[in-house]
Amino acid sequence: MSKADNKPKKHIPQRTCIGCREVNEKKTLVRIVKSPEGVCIDPTGRKPGRGAYLHEAKGCWETALKRGAIGRALKTELTPDETAILTAHMETLQED
């Protein structure tokens, strides 16, 4: 056995998309965060606050917004301004 065979595999964080409920690697999903300033998109994935994850797919965003999954996951009520920001981001995405 060589030393390379004894190395443990690196842990890859997994997260669930709140739109389609599919589990994927964290780095493949977009994080939405609830912070004291309000709900916003966290492109770095490092902002403090409660987070929820979505695929970068319009279908997942539509489902999450329509069913209220974002508010439930973040344990908050989305304001009209926050909904407008998330909807505007959704419109920039490509179809599935």
N, C-alpha and C. Protein backbone atom coordinates (compact mmCIF):
# COMPACT_ATOMS: atom_id res chain seq x y z
N MET A 1 0.84 -1.20 0.00
CA MET A 1 0.00 0.00 0.00
C MET A 1 0.87 1.25 0.00
N SER A 2 0.50 2.19 -0.79
CA SER A 2 1.25 3.44 -0.81
C SER A 2 0.58 4.43 0.13
N LYS A 3 1.28 5.51 0.40
CA LYS A 3 0.73 6.54 1.29
C LYS A 3 -0.52 7.19 0.70
N ALA A 4 -0.59 7.29 -0.61
CA ALA A 4 -1.75 7.91 -1.26
C ALA A 4 -3.02 7.10 -1.00
N ASP A 5 -2.90 5.79 -0.83
CA ASP A 5 -4.07 4.95 -0.58
C ASP A 5 -4.64 5.16 0.82
N ASN A 6 -3.83 5.64 1.75
CA ASN A 6 -4.27 5.80 3.13
C ASN A 6 -4.92 7.15 3.40
N LYS A 7 -4.88 8.07 2.45
CA LYS A 7 -5.45 9.40 2.67
C LYS A 7 -6.98 9.32 2.73
N PRO A 8 -7.55 9.95 3.74
CA PRO A 8 -9.02 9.97 3.78
C PRO A 8 -9.56 10.90 2.70
N LYS A 9 -10.74 10.59 2.21
CA LYS A 9 -11.36 11.44 1.19
C LYS A 9 -11.81 12.73 1.84
N LYS A 10 -11.67 13.82 1.10
CA LYS A 10 -12.06 15.12 1.61
C LYS A 10 -13.58 15.21 1.71
N HIS A 11 -14.06 15.74 2.82
CA HIS A 11 -15.50 15.91 3.02
C HIS A 11 -16.02 17.02 2.10
N ILE A 12 -17.10 16.74 1.39
CA ILE A 12 -17.73 17.72 0.52
C ILE A 12 -19.10 18.03 1.11
N PRO A 13 -19.31 19.30 1.56
CA PRO A 13 -20.60 19.65 2.16
C PRO A 13 -21.75 19.49 1.18
N GLN A 14 -22.86 18.95 1.67
CA GLN A 14 -24.06 18.74 0.87
C GLN A 14 -25.18 19.65 1.38
N ARG A 15 -25.98 20.16 0.49
CA ARG A 15 -27.13 20.98 0.86
C ARG A 15 -28.32 20.57 0.00
N THR A 16 -29.53 20.86 0.48
CA THR A 16 -30.75 20.53 -0.23
C THR A 16 -31.35 21.78 -0.85
N CYS A 17 -31.67 21.71 -2.13
CA CYS A 17 -32.34 22.81 -2.82
C CYS A 17 -33.77 22.89 -2.29
N ILE A 18 -34.21 24.06 -1.85
CA ILE A 18 -35.56 24.20 -1.30
C ILE A 18 -36.62 24.26 -2.40
N GLY A 19 -36.20 24.34 -3.65
CA GLY A 19 -37.14 24.35 -4.76
C GLY A 19 -37.52 22.94 -5.20
N CYS A 20 -36.51 22.12 -5.48
CA CYS A 20 -36.76 20.77 -5.99
C CYS A 20 -36.47 19.67 -4.98
N ARG A 21 -35.90 20.02 -3.83
CA ARG A 21 -35.57 19.10 -2.75
C ARG A 21 -34.47 18.10 -3.12
N GLU A 22 -33.66 18.44 -4.11
CA GLU A 22 -32.55 17.58 -4.53
C GLU A 22 -31.29 17.96 -3.74
N VAL A 23 -30.53 16.97 -3.31
CA VAL A 23 -29.30 17.20 -2.56
C VAL A 23 -28.13 17.26 -3.52
N ASN A 24 -27.32 18.33 -3.39
CA ASN A 24 -26.14 18.52 -4.23
C ASN A 24 -25.01 19.10 -3.39
N GLU A 25 -23.85 19.23 -4.04
CA GLU A 25 -22.73 19.87 -3.37
C GLU A 25 -23.07 21.33 -3.11
N LYS A 26 -22.65 21.82 -1.97
CA LYS A 26 -22.93 23.19 -1.56
C LYS A 26 -22.48 24.22 -2.59
N LYS A 27 -21.32 23.99 -3.20
CA LYS A 27 -20.77 24.97 -4.14
C LYS A 27 -21.57 25.08 -5.43
N THR A 28 -22.45 24.12 -5.71
CA THR A 28 -23.27 24.18 -6.93
C THR A 28 -24.58 24.92 -6.73
N LEU A 29 -24.88 25.32 -5.50
CA LEU A 29 -26.14 25.98 -5.18
C LEU A 29 -25.93 27.45 -4.82
N VAL A 30 -26.99 28.23 -4.92
CA VAL A 30 -26.96 29.65 -4.56
C VAL A 30 -27.56 29.79 -3.17
N ARG A 31 -26.90 30.54 -2.31
CA ARG A 31 -27.38 30.73 -0.94
C ARG A 31 -28.17 32.02 -0.84
N ILE A 32 -29.31 31.92 -0.16
CA ILE A 32 -30.11 33.09 0.21
C ILE A 32 -30.00 33.18 1.72
N VAL A 33 -29.77 34.38 2.22
CA VAL A 33 -29.52 34.52 3.66
C VAL A 33 -30.47 35.56 4.27
N LYS A 34 -30.91 35.26 5.50
CA LYS A 34 -31.68 36.23 6.29
C LYS A 34 -30.73 36.78 7.34
N SER A 35 -30.49 38.07 7.25
CA SER A 35 -29.61 38.73 8.19
C SER A 35 -30.40 39.88 8.83
N PRO A 36 -29.82 40.58 9.79
CA PRO A 36 -30.52 41.72 10.38
C PRO A 36 -30.91 42.80 9.35
N GLU A 37 -30.18 42.85 8.23
CA GLU A 37 -30.50 43.83 7.18
C GLU A 37 -31.66 43.37 6.31
N GLY A 38 -32.02 42.10 6.36
CA GLY A 38 -33.10 41.56 5.55
C GLY A 38 -32.64 40.35 4.77
N VAL A 39 -33.49 39.90 3.85
CA VAL A 39 -33.20 38.73 3.03
C VAL A 39 -32.47 39.19 1.77
N CYS A 40 -31.38 38.50 1.44
CA CYS A 40 -30.62 38.85 0.23
C CYS A 40 -29.92 37.61 -0.30
N ILE A 41 -29.42 37.72 -1.53
CA ILE A 41 -28.67 36.64 -2.15
C ILE A 41 -27.21 36.77 -1.70
N ASP A 42 -26.64 35.65 -1.32
CA ASP A 42 -25.26 35.61 -0.82
C ASP A 42 -24.37 34.87 -1.82
N PRO A 43 -23.78 35.58 -2.76
CA PRO A 43 -22.97 34.90 -3.78
C PRO A 43 -21.72 34.23 -3.21
N THR A 44 -21.19 34.72 -2.10
CA THR A 44 -19.99 34.13 -1.51
C THR A 44 -20.32 32.92 -0.64
N GLY A 45 -21.54 32.86 -0.13
CA GLY A 45 -21.93 31.77 0.76
C GLY A 45 -21.36 31.91 2.15
N ARG A 46 -20.91 33.11 2.52
CA ARG A 46 -20.23 33.30 3.80
C ARG A 46 -20.86 34.37 4.70
N LYS A 47 -21.92 35.01 4.25
CA LYS A 47 -22.53 36.04 5.09
C LYS A 47 -23.14 35.39 6.33
N PRO A 48 -23.10 36.10 7.46
CA PRO A 48 -23.72 35.55 8.66
C PRO A 48 -25.24 35.61 8.56
N GLY A 49 -25.88 34.64 9.15
CA GLY A 49 -27.34 34.61 9.17
C GLY A 49 -27.85 33.25 8.73
N ARG A 50 -29.16 33.09 8.82
CA ARG A 50 -29.80 31.84 8.44
C ARG A 50 -29.84 31.74 6.92
N GLY A 51 -29.46 30.60 6.40
CA GLY A 51 -29.37 30.44 4.95
C GLY A 51 -30.28 29.35 4.40
N ALA A 52 -30.59 29.49 3.12
CA ALA A 52 -31.32 28.49 2.35
C ALA A 52 -30.65 28.40 0.99
N TYR A 53 -30.80 27.26 0.33
CA TYR A 53 -30.07 27.03 -0.91
C TYR A 53 -31.02 26.68 -2.05
N LEU A 54 -30.68 27.19 -3.25
CA LEU A 54 -31.43 26.92 -4.47
C LEU A 54 -30.47 26.65 -5.62
N HIS A 55 -30.91 25.81 -6.55
CA HIS A 55 -30.14 25.63 -7.78
C HIS A 55 -30.18 26.93 -8.58
N GLU A 56 -29.24 27.06 -9.46
CA GLU A 56 -29.20 28.22 -10.35
C GLU A 56 -30.09 27.91 -11.56
N ALA A 57 -31.34 27.52 -11.28
CA ALA A 57 -32.30 27.16 -12.32
C ALA A 57 -33.61 27.88 -12.05
N LYS A 58 -34.17 28.43 -13.10
CA LYS A 58 -35.39 29.23 -12.97
C LYS A 58 -36.55 28.42 -12.36
N GLY A 59 -36.65 27.16 -12.73
CA GLY A 59 -37.73 26.32 -12.21
C GLY A 59 -37.69 26.17 -10.69
N CYS A 60 -36.52 26.00 -10.14
CA CYS A 60 -36.37 25.87 -8.68
C CYS A 60 -36.78 27.17 -7.98
N TRP A 61 -36.36 28.30 -8.55
CA TRP A 61 -36.69 29.60 -7.97
C TRP A 61 -38.19 29.86 -8.04
N GLU A 62 -38.82 29.54 -9.18
CA GLU A 62 -40.26 29.74 -9.33
C GLU A 62 -41.03 28.91 -8.30
N THR A 63 -40.64 27.65 -8.17
CA THR A 63 -41.30 26.76 -7.21
C THR A 63 -41.14 27.28 -5.78
N ALA A 64 -39.94 27.66 -5.42
CA ALA A 64 -39.68 28.13 -4.05
C ALA A 64 -40.44 29.42 -3.74
N LEU A 65 -40.51 30.33 -4.70
CA LEU A 65 -41.23 31.59 -4.48
C LEU A 65 -42.74 31.35 -4.44
N LYS A 66 -43.24 30.51 -5.34
CA LYS A 66 -44.68 30.28 -5.42
C LYS A 66 -45.20 29.56 -4.17
N ARG A 67 -44.45 28.58 -3.69
CA ARG A 67 -44.91 27.77 -2.55
C ARG A 67 -44.53 28.36 -1.20
N GLY A 68 -43.78 29.44 -1.19
CA GLY A 68 -43.38 30.05 0.07
C GLY A 68 -42.25 29.33 0.78
N ALA A 69 -41.51 28.52 0.06
CA ALA A 69 -40.44 27.72 0.65
C ALA A 69 -39.30 28.58 1.18
N ILE A 70 -39.06 29.71 0.55
CA ILE A 70 -37.96 30.58 0.99
C ILE A 70 -38.27 31.16 2.37
N GLY A 71 -39.47 31.67 2.53
CA GLY A 71 -39.86 32.21 3.83
C GLY A 71 -39.83 31.16 4.93
N ARG A 72 -40.32 29.97 4.63
CA ARG A 72 -40.31 28.89 5.63
C ARG A 72 -38.89 28.48 5.99
N ALA A 73 -38.04 28.33 4.99
CA ALA A 73 -36.65 27.90 5.25
C ALA A 73 -35.90 28.94 6.07
N LEU A 74 -36.19 30.21 5.81
CA LEU A 74 -35.50 31.28 6.53
C LEU A 74 -36.23 31.69 7.81
N LYS A 75 -37.37 31.08 8.05
CA LYS A 75 -38.20 31.37 9.23
C LYS A 75 -38.51 32.86 9.32
N THR A 76 -39.04 33.41 8.21
CA THR A 76 -39.39 34.81 8.15
C THR A 76 -40.49 35.02 7.12
N GLU A 77 -41.10 36.16 7.16
CA GLU A 77 -42.07 36.57 6.15
C GLU A 77 -41.36 37.50 5.19
N LEU A 78 -41.34 37.17 3.91
CA LEU A 78 -40.67 38.01 2.92
C LEU A 78 -41.45 39.30 2.70
N THR A 79 -40.75 40.42 2.69
CA THR A 79 -41.39 41.70 2.37
C THR A 79 -41.55 41.80 0.86
N PRO A 80 -42.41 42.70 0.39
CA PRO A 80 -42.54 42.88 -1.06
C PRO A 80 -41.22 43.27 -1.74
N ASP A 81 -40.40 44.08 -1.06
CA ASP A 81 -39.10 44.46 -1.62
C ASP A 81 -38.18 43.25 -1.76
N GLU A 82 -38.14 42.39 -0.75
CA GLU A 82 -37.30 41.20 -0.78
C GLU A 82 -37.78 40.24 -1.87
N THR A 83 -39.10 40.10 -1.99
CA THR A 83 -39.66 39.25 -3.03
C THR A 83 -39.29 39.79 -4.41
N ALA A 84 -39.32 41.11 -4.57
CA ALA A 84 -38.98 41.73 -5.84
C ALA A 84 -37.51 41.49 -6.19
N ILE A 85 -36.62 41.57 -5.21
CA ILE A 85 -35.20 41.32 -5.44
C ILE A 85 -34.98 39.87 -5.88
N LEU A 86 -35.62 38.94 -5.19
CA LEU A 86 -35.46 37.52 -5.54
C LEU A 86 -36.07 37.21 -6.90
N THR A 87 -37.21 37.82 -7.20
CA THR A 87 -37.85 37.62 -8.50
C THR A 87 -36.98 38.19 -9.62
N ALA A 88 -36.38 39.36 -9.39
CA ALA A 88 -35.50 39.96 -10.40
C ALA A 88 -34.31 39.05 -10.68
N HIS A 89 -33.74 38.45 -9.63
CA HIS A 89 -32.63 37.51 -9.84
C HIS A 89 -33.12 36.29 -10.62
N MET A 90 -34.31 35.80 -10.28
CA MET A 90 -34.87 34.63 -10.96
C MET A 90 -35.02 34.90 -12.45
N GLU A 91 -35.41 36.11 -12.83
CA GLU A 91 -35.63 36.45 -14.24
C GLU A 91 -34.33 36.44 -15.03
N THR A 92 -33.19 36.56 -14.37
CA THR A 92 -31.91 36.53 -15.07
C THR A 92 -31.44 35.11 -15.35
N LEU A 93 -32.10 34.12 -14.75
CA LEU A 93 -31.67 32.73 -14.89
C LEU A 93 -32.24 32.10 -16.16
N GLN A 94 -31.55 31.07 -16.61
CA GLN A 94 -32.02 30.32 -17.78
C GLN A 94 -33.01 29.27 -17.33
N GLU A 95 -33.84 28.84 -18.27
CA GLU A 95 -34.78 27.75 -18.00
C GLU A 95 -34.00 26.48 -17.68
N ASP A 96 -34.63 25.55 -17.03
CA ASP A 96 -33.98 24.29 -16.62
C ASP A 96 -33.29 23.64 -17.75
